[in-house]
Amino acid sequence: MTNQSTAPEESRIATLPNQRRKPDRATFGQIAPGLAVATTLAGIATVLGKLAPIVGAPVFAIVIGIVIASMRNNSPNLRQGLSFSSKAVLQGSIVILGTGLSFRQVVTTGTSSLPVLLGTLSVALLGAWIVGRALGITKDLRTLIGVGTGICGASAIAATDAVIEASETDVSYAIATIFTFNVLAVLTFPTFGHLISLTPHAFGLWAGTAVNDMSSVVAAATIFSPHATPYAVIVKLTRTLMIIPITIALAFWRSKKAVDPNVTISRFHHFKHIHRVLPVFIGWFLVAVFINTFGLIPSAWHGQLSNLAQFMITIALGAIGLSTRVDKIRQAGMKPLALGAILWILVASSSLLLQLATGTL
């Protein structure tokens, strides 16, 4: 793999725990232009989605966004708003989805998904170790790609980097690799799910355990069926919580192997900042679920809230498409992409096989 000396600033993740410069909080004036563009794109995609419902608004949004981004670079004054749209707006949509769920649904779906969830996580981590070594990929990079595939994409990569202190180049390569297969999952999973006649529940479990990033999980499930989205979100949130035991295990493992005691201290010093990349919106999602469980949300509101959540998802996917840098993905090189592709196939297939074995398919 050729080492790239100029890793893109965007892909270094502004909120990495070990980054020394803390970014300033964006103002509404900085967010508004990018948010307006993403919302306009979502409106266009929604119209197209109604004309071609088999494709759906989220796919139109991300594809149009990628096409636009490949033809021209975003204006600097759009970046804050696009970042806000792809993260905060998406997280807000997930919280709104919680208003249509009960606590019993969340617990039942979360616990019933554990066999498939733990199985696919094991496949991702073990596959990253075996295949990554065979491809000659460095230890840190294969670890980052493994946790990104097995847990929750960029968030898991950031949390793991807080422990292992990988190079910024490795972090950039891992994020580019994970993002590539996020987009492919959104474009291929719904069609394949219909081809093999998955139910909304089965597809939600499949997407929640086999698609990397939350945005892609929500998008794929929404395209397949609105009824699949709540299941996918619950499974994905359960899977996201695996950041905690995995990073703790990595911290202990790396510290035991450290020869220099200062290295051990440094790793645990950064480990205490992992909470900064753990998704806070999970708590708000649970609050929304509890409010609905106690009947505080009128049933007449559920349809409108669901439509609002779907539109916010489309805004987020449009922003992600507009922020895509195809040239930066190519810079990652073939070996990380090959590892990502192999893990993607292994996790997707093992999820379906585990569902079949446990009787949930």
Protein backbone atom coordinates (compact mmCIF):
# COMPACT_ATOMS: atom_id res chain seq x y z
CA MET A 1 0.00 0.00 0.00
CA THR A 2 1.39 3.36 -1.01
CA ASN A 3 1.68 5.81 1.83
CA GLN A 4 -0.13 9.07 1.14
CA SER A 5 1.52 12.11 2.66
CA THR A 6 -1.51 14.36 2.42
CA ALA A 7 -4.44 12.84 4.25
CA PRO A 8 -7.62 14.88 3.74
CA GLU A 9 -8.48 17.21 6.57
CA GLU A 10 -12.15 16.20 6.43
CA SER A 11 -11.39 12.54 6.95
CA ARG A 12 -9.32 13.07 10.07
CA ILE A 13 -12.54 13.50 12.04
CA ALA A 14 -12.73 16.80 13.85
CA THR A 15 -13.81 15.13 17.07
CA LEU A 16 -11.13 12.47 17.44
CA PRO A 17 -10.27 12.22 21.15
CA ASN A 18 -6.53 12.45 20.56
CA GLN A 19 -6.70 15.53 18.37
CA ARG A 20 -5.04 18.41 20.14
CA ARG A 21 -7.00 21.27 18.58
CA LYS A 22 -10.59 21.43 19.79
CA PRO A 23 -12.87 22.77 17.03
CA ASP A 24 -15.02 25.79 17.77
CA ARG A 25 -18.77 25.29 18.05
CA ALA A 26 -20.45 26.26 14.79
CA THR A 27 -22.94 29.11 14.85
CA PHE A 28 -26.34 29.02 13.13
CA GLY A 29 -25.01 31.42 10.49
CA GLN A 30 -22.24 28.94 9.65
CA ILE A 31 -24.63 25.98 9.59
CA ALA A 32 -27.51 27.56 7.67
CA PRO A 33 -26.07 27.58 4.09
CA GLY A 34 -25.11 23.89 4.06
CA LEU A 35 -28.30 22.88 5.86
CA ALA A 36 -30.37 24.81 3.31
CA VAL A 37 -28.63 23.07 0.40
CA ALA A 38 -29.09 19.62 1.97
CA THR A 39 -32.76 20.37 2.70
CA THR A 40 -33.35 21.55 -0.87
CA LEU A 41 -31.73 18.39 -2.21
CA ALA A 42 -33.92 16.33 0.14
CA GLY A 43 -37.02 18.09 -1.21
CA ILE A 44 -36.03 17.26 -4.79
CA ALA A 45 -35.22 13.67 -3.81
CA THR A 46 -38.58 13.32 -2.05
CA VAL A 47 -40.42 14.35 -5.21
CA LEU A 48 -38.35 11.92 -7.29
CA GLY A 49 -38.92 9.22 -4.65
CA LYS A 50 -42.69 9.59 -5.04
CA LEU A 51 -42.34 9.28 -8.82
CA ALA A 52 -40.10 6.21 -8.46
CA PRO A 53 -40.93 4.65 -5.07
CA ILE A 54 -38.96 1.50 -5.91
CA VAL A 55 -35.82 3.68 -5.70
CA GLY A 56 -36.89 5.93 -2.84
CA ALA A 57 -35.95 9.43 -1.73
CA PRO A 58 -32.83 8.47 0.33
CA VAL A 59 -31.18 6.78 -2.67
CA PHE A 60 -31.95 9.74 -4.92
CA ALA A 61 -30.52 12.09 -2.29
CA ILE A 62 -27.21 10.30 -1.80
CA VAL A 63 -26.68 9.50 -5.50
CA ILE A 64 -27.45 13.06 -6.65
CA GLY A 65 -25.22 14.37 -3.88
CA ILE A 66 -22.31 12.14 -4.94
CA VAL A 67 -22.74 13.15 -8.61
CA ILE A 68 -22.69 16.84 -7.69
CA ALA A 69 -19.67 16.37 -5.38
CA SER A 70 -17.76 14.51 -8.11
CA MET A 71 -18.24 17.41 -10.53
CA ARG A 72 -17.32 20.25 -8.19
CA ASN A 73 -15.88 20.82 -4.73
CA ASN A 74 -18.17 22.19 -2.05
CA SER A 75 -17.87 25.85 -1.18
CA PRO A 76 -16.14 26.26 2.22
CA ASN A 77 -19.20 28.01 3.65
CA LEU A 78 -21.29 24.86 3.07
CA ARG A 79 -19.09 22.44 5.02
CA GLN A 80 -20.31 23.24 8.54
CA GLY A 81 -23.94 22.88 7.51
CA LEU A 82 -23.35 19.66 5.58
CA SER A 83 -21.51 18.19 8.57
CA PHE A 84 -24.39 19.22 10.86
CA SER A 85 -26.93 17.72 8.45
CA SER A 86 -25.13 14.39 8.11
CA LYS A 87 -24.70 13.98 11.88
CA ALA A 88 -27.06 16.02 14.05
CA VAL A 89 -30.04 15.86 11.68
CA LEU A 90 -29.62 12.10 11.30
CA GLN A 91 -29.36 11.63 15.07
CA GLY A 92 -32.46 13.77 15.50
CA SER A 93 -34.35 11.55 13.07
CA ILE A 94 -33.45 8.50 15.12
CA VAL A 95 -34.73 10.17 18.29
CA ILE A 96 -38.00 10.94 16.49
CA LEU A 97 -38.24 7.31 15.38
CA GLY A 98 -38.15 6.43 19.09
CA THR A 99 -41.49 8.20 19.54
CA GLY A 100 -43.13 5.35 17.65
CA LEU A 101 -41.65 2.55 19.76
CA SER A 102 -42.36 1.07 23.17
CA PHE A 103 -39.80 0.05 25.78
CA ARG A 104 -40.92 -3.56 25.40
CA GLN A 105 -40.20 -3.48 21.65
CA VAL A 106 -36.72 -2.07 22.25
CA VAL A 107 -35.80 -4.66 24.90
CA THR A 108 -37.28 -7.59 22.98
CA THR A 109 -35.64 -6.67 19.68
CA GLY A 110 -32.31 -5.80 21.29
CA THR A 111 -32.00 -9.01 23.26
CA SER A 112 -33.27 -11.27 20.46
CA SER A 113 -30.65 -9.81 18.10
CA LEU A 114 -27.71 -10.63 20.41
CA PRO A 115 -26.80 -14.06 18.91
CA VAL A 116 -26.60 -12.62 15.40
CA LEU A 117 -24.96 -9.42 16.63
CA LEU A 118 -22.22 -11.15 18.60
CA GLY A 119 -21.66 -13.67 15.82
CA THR A 120 -21.16 -11.02 13.14
CA LEU A 121 -18.92 -8.98 15.44
CA SER A 122 -16.71 -12.03 15.97
CA VAL A 123 -16.58 -12.65 12.21
CA ALA A 124 -15.54 -9.02 11.58
CA LEU A 125 -12.79 -8.93 14.21
CA LEU A 126 -11.40 -12.39 13.47
CA GLY A 127 -11.64 -11.80 9.73
CA ALA A 128 -9.78 -8.49 10.03
CA TRP A 129 -6.97 -10.20 11.92
CA ILE A 130 -6.62 -13.20 9.55
CA VAL A 131 -7.31 -11.52 6.19
CA GLY A 132 -5.50 -8.31 7.16
CA ARG A 133 -2.34 -10.24 8.02
CA ALA A 134 -2.59 -12.20 4.78
CA LEU A 135 -2.84 -8.95 2.80
CA GLY A 136 0.12 -7.45 4.68
CA ILE A 137 -1.93 -4.64 6.23
CA THR A 138 -0.50 -3.06 9.36
CA LYS A 139 -1.88 -4.06 12.75
CA ASP A 140 -3.46 -0.70 13.55
CA LEU A 141 -5.13 -0.32 10.16
CA ARG A 142 -6.65 -3.80 10.17
CA THR A 143 -7.87 -3.22 13.73
CA LEU A 144 -9.56 0.05 12.71
CA ILE A 145 -11.22 -1.51 9.66
CA GLY A 146 -12.30 -4.51 11.74
CA VAL A 147 -14.03 -2.49 14.47
CA GLY A 148 -15.45 -0.08 11.90
CA THR A 149 -17.04 -2.97 10.04
CA GLY A 150 -18.10 -4.92 13.12
CA ILE A 151 -19.48 -2.12 15.30
CA CYS A 152 -20.44 1.29 13.94
CA GLY A 153 -18.17 2.78 11.33
CA ALA A 154 -16.45 6.09 12.04
CA SER A 155 -17.57 6.26 15.69
CA ALA A 156 -15.96 2.91 16.45
CA ILE A 157 -12.83 3.94 14.54
CA ALA A 158 -12.57 7.14 16.58
CA ALA A 159 -13.09 5.33 19.88
CA THR A 160 -10.53 2.67 18.98
CA ASP A 161 -8.02 5.28 17.87
CA ALA A 162 -8.33 6.83 21.33
CA VAL A 163 -6.89 3.60 22.70
CA ILE A 164 -4.39 2.40 20.10
CA GLU A 165 -3.24 5.87 18.94
CA ALA A 166 -3.04 4.97 15.26
CA SER A 167 -1.54 7.33 12.71
CA GLU A 168 -3.81 9.88 11.06
CA THR A 169 -3.11 8.19 7.72
CA ASP A 170 -4.42 4.86 9.03
CA VAL A 171 -7.50 6.58 10.44
CA SER A 172 -8.14 8.29 7.10
CA TYR A 173 -7.71 5.05 5.16
CA ALA A 174 -10.04 3.18 7.52
CA ILE A 175 -12.77 5.83 7.28
CA ALA A 176 -12.51 5.97 3.47
CA THR A 177 -12.78 2.18 3.31
CA ILE A 178 -15.79 2.00 5.63
CA PHE A 179 -17.54 4.84 3.82
CA THR A 180 -17.14 3.11 0.45
CA PHE A 181 -19.02 0.04 1.64
CA ASN A 182 -21.60 2.12 3.48
CA VAL A 183 -22.63 3.60 0.13
CA LEU A 184 -22.60 0.19 -1.56
CA ALA A 185 -24.78 -1.23 1.21
CA VAL A 186 -27.39 1.51 0.77
CA LEU A 187 -27.51 0.86 -2.97
CA THR A 188 -27.52 -2.96 -2.91
CA PHE A 189 -28.99 -4.30 0.35
CA PRO A 190 -32.64 -3.29 -0.25
CA THR A 191 -32.72 -4.86 -3.72
CA PHE A 192 -31.08 -8.07 -2.51
CA GLY A 193 -33.42 -8.17 0.49
CA HIS A 194 -36.44 -8.10 -1.82
CA LEU A 195 -34.88 -10.73 -4.09
CA ILE A 196 -34.60 -13.21 -1.21
CA SER A 197 -38.01 -12.17 0.18
CA LEU A 198 -36.89 -10.93 3.58
CA THR A 199 -39.56 -9.69 5.96
CA PRO A 200 -39.18 -6.15 7.36
CA HIS A 201 -38.10 -7.65 10.71
CA ALA A 202 -35.50 -9.92 9.08
CA PHE A 203 -34.17 -7.10 6.91
CA GLY A 204 -33.97 -4.78 9.91
CA LEU A 205 -31.89 -7.38 11.76
CA TRP A 206 -29.72 -7.93 8.69
CA ALA A 207 -29.11 -4.21 8.10
CA GLY A 208 -28.57 -3.54 11.79
CA THR A 209 -25.89 -6.22 12.08
CA ALA A 210 -24.27 -6.09 8.63
CA VAL A 211 -24.18 -2.42 7.58
CA ASN A 212 -21.40 -0.32 9.07
CA ASP A 213 -22.59 3.20 9.84
CA MET A 214 -25.87 4.33 11.42
CA SER A 215 -26.75 6.60 8.50
CA SER A 216 -26.40 3.72 6.05
CA VAL A 217 -28.36 1.35 8.28
CA VAL A 218 -31.25 3.79 8.49
CA ALA A 219 -31.10 4.57 4.77
CA ALA A 220 -31.02 0.93 3.67
CA ALA A 221 -33.87 -0.03 6.00
CA THR A 222 -35.98 2.96 4.95
CA ILE A 223 -35.51 2.12 1.26
CA PHE A 224 -36.48 -1.52 1.87
CA SER A 225 -39.57 -0.71 3.95
CA PRO A 226 -40.52 1.94 6.52
CA HIS A 227 -41.56 -0.99 8.75
CA ALA A 228 -37.97 -2.28 8.74
CA THR A 229 -36.45 0.98 10.03
CA PRO A 230 -37.40 0.72 13.74
CA TYR A 231 -36.00 -2.83 13.96
CA ALA A 232 -32.79 -1.79 12.21
CA VAL A 233 -32.33 1.22 14.50
CA ILE A 234 -32.77 -0.81 17.70
CA VAL A 235 -30.36 -3.52 16.53
CA LYS A 236 -27.84 -0.93 15.40
CA LEU A 237 -28.00 0.96 18.70
CA THR A 238 -27.48 -2.31 20.58
CA ARG A 239 -24.50 -3.02 18.32
CA THR A 240 -23.09 0.48 18.90
CA LEU A 241 -22.88 -0.20 22.64
CA MET A 242 -20.27 -2.86 21.84
CA ILE A 243 -17.80 0.04 21.53
CA ILE A 244 -17.46 -0.06 25.31
CA PRO A 245 -16.29 -3.67 25.90
CA ILE A 246 -14.18 -3.72 22.72
CA THR A 247 -12.25 -0.54 23.58
CA ILE A 248 -11.78 -1.67 27.18
CA ALA A 249 -10.38 -5.00 25.94
CA LEU A 250 -8.06 -3.21 23.49
CA ALA A 251 -6.86 -0.86 26.22
CA PHE A 252 -5.91 -3.75 28.51
CA TRP A 253 -4.39 -5.83 25.71
CA ARG A 254 -2.27 -3.00 24.35
CA SER A 255 -1.20 -1.91 27.84
CA LYS A 256 -0.07 -5.41 28.80
CA LYS A 257 2.06 -5.56 25.64
CA ALA A 258 3.59 -2.12 26.18
CA VAL A 259 7.25 -2.24 27.20
CA ASP A 260 7.48 1.44 28.10
CA PRO A 261 5.33 2.21 31.18
CA ASN A 262 4.77 5.74 29.82
CA VAL A 263 3.04 4.18 26.81
CA THR A 264 0.67 2.34 29.15
CA ILE A 265 -0.16 5.55 31.01
CA SER A 266 -0.68 7.39 27.72
CA ARG A 267 -3.13 4.81 26.42
CA PHE A 268 -5.28 4.92 29.51
CA HIS A 269 -5.08 8.70 29.55
CA HIS A 270 -6.67 8.80 26.09
CA PHE A 271 -9.05 5.97 26.98
CA LYS A 272 -10.82 8.17 29.53
CA HIS A 273 -11.92 10.47 26.67
CA ILE A 274 -13.77 7.72 24.78
CA HIS A 275 -17.10 9.04 26.10
CA ARG A 276 -16.67 11.97 23.72
CA VAL A 277 -17.30 9.73 20.71
CA LEU A 278 -19.98 7.51 22.25
CA PRO A 279 -23.35 8.50 20.77
CA VAL A 280 -25.21 10.74 23.22
CA PHE A 281 -28.34 10.54 21.10
CA ILE A 282 -28.87 6.97 22.32
CA GLY A 283 -29.99 8.45 25.63
CA TRP A 284 -32.43 10.81 23.90
CA PHE A 285 -33.74 7.92 21.81
CA LEU A 286 -34.52 6.01 25.02
CA VAL A 287 -36.20 9.10 26.48
CA ALA A 288 -38.46 9.27 23.40
CA VAL A 289 -39.25 5.57 23.75
CA PHE A 290 -40.18 5.99 27.42
CA ILE A 291 -42.39 9.00 26.64
CA ASN A 292 -44.27 6.98 24.04
CA THR A 293 -44.45 3.92 26.31
CA PHE A 294 -46.34 5.95 28.92
CA GLY A 295 -48.79 7.21 26.30
CA LEU A 296 -47.65 10.83 26.36
CA ILE A 297 -47.49 11.03 22.56
CA PRO A 298 -50.95 11.04 20.90
CA SER A 299 -51.36 8.20 18.42
CA ALA A 300 -52.55 10.72 15.82
CA TRP A 301 -49.06 12.25 15.83
CA HIS A 302 -47.23 9.02 14.97
CA GLY A 303 -47.75 9.23 11.22
CA GLN A 304 -46.57 12.84 11.01
CA LEU A 305 -43.57 12.15 13.22
CA SER A 306 -42.63 9.16 11.07
CA ASN A 307 -42.83 11.29 7.91
CA LEU A 308 -40.68 13.96 9.57
CA ALA A 309 -38.08 11.34 10.52
CA GLN A 310 -37.99 10.01 6.95
CA PHE A 311 -37.46 13.51 5.55
CA MET A 312 -34.66 14.19 8.05
CA ILE A 313 -33.02 10.92 6.99
CA THR A 314 -33.16 12.10 3.37
CA ILE A 315 -31.55 15.42 4.37
CA ALA A 316 -28.73 13.54 6.11
CA LEU A 317 -28.13 11.22 3.16
CA GLY A 318 -28.08 14.16 0.76
CA ALA A 319 -25.47 15.88 2.94
CA ILE A 320 -23.36 12.72 3.03
CA GLY A 321 -23.51 12.48 -0.75
CA LEU A 322 -22.53 16.12 -1.16
CA SER A 323 -19.59 15.61 1.23
CA THR A 324 -18.25 12.54 -0.58
CA ARG A 325 -14.79 12.88 -2.11
CA VAL A 326 -14.37 10.06 -4.60
CA ASP A 327 -10.74 11.03 -5.22
CA LYS A 328 -9.98 10.65 -1.50
CA ILE A 329 -11.52 7.18 -1.44
CA ARG A 330 -9.19 6.18 -4.27
CA GLN A 331 -6.22 7.39 -2.24
CA ALA A 332 -6.82 4.66 0.34
CA GLY A 333 -5.27 2.13 -2.01
CA MET A 334 -6.38 -1.37 -2.97
CA LYS A 335 -5.35 -3.36 0.10
CA PRO A 336 -7.59 -1.58 2.66
CA LEU A 337 -10.45 -1.63 0.14
CA ALA A 338 -9.89 -5.35 -0.45
CA LEU A 339 -9.99 -6.02 3.30
CA GLY A 340 -13.12 -3.90 3.63
CA ALA A 341 -14.79 -5.76 0.75
CA ILE A 342 -13.97 -9.19 2.16
CA LEU A 343 -15.18 -8.25 5.65
CA TRP A 344 -18.33 -6.67 4.21
CA ILE A 345 -19.20 -9.90 2.38
CA LEU A 346 -18.30 -12.11 5.36
CA VAL A 347 -20.40 -10.09 7.81
CA ALA A 348 -23.38 -9.75 5.46
CA SER A 349 -23.45 -13.47 4.67
CA SER A 350 -22.81 -14.59 8.27
CA SER A 351 -25.68 -12.38 9.47
CA LEU A 352 -28.12 -14.14 7.14
CA LEU A 353 -26.72 -17.57 8.03
CA LEU A 354 -26.97 -16.85 11.77
CA GLN A 355 -30.56 -15.66 11.32
CA LEU A 356 -31.29 -18.91 9.50
CA ALA A 357 -29.61 -20.95 12.23
CA THR A 358 -31.44 -19.17 15.05
CA GLY A 359 -34.83 -19.28 13.34
CA THR A 360 -35.20 -15.51 12.94
CA LEU A 361 -35.08 -15.57 9.13
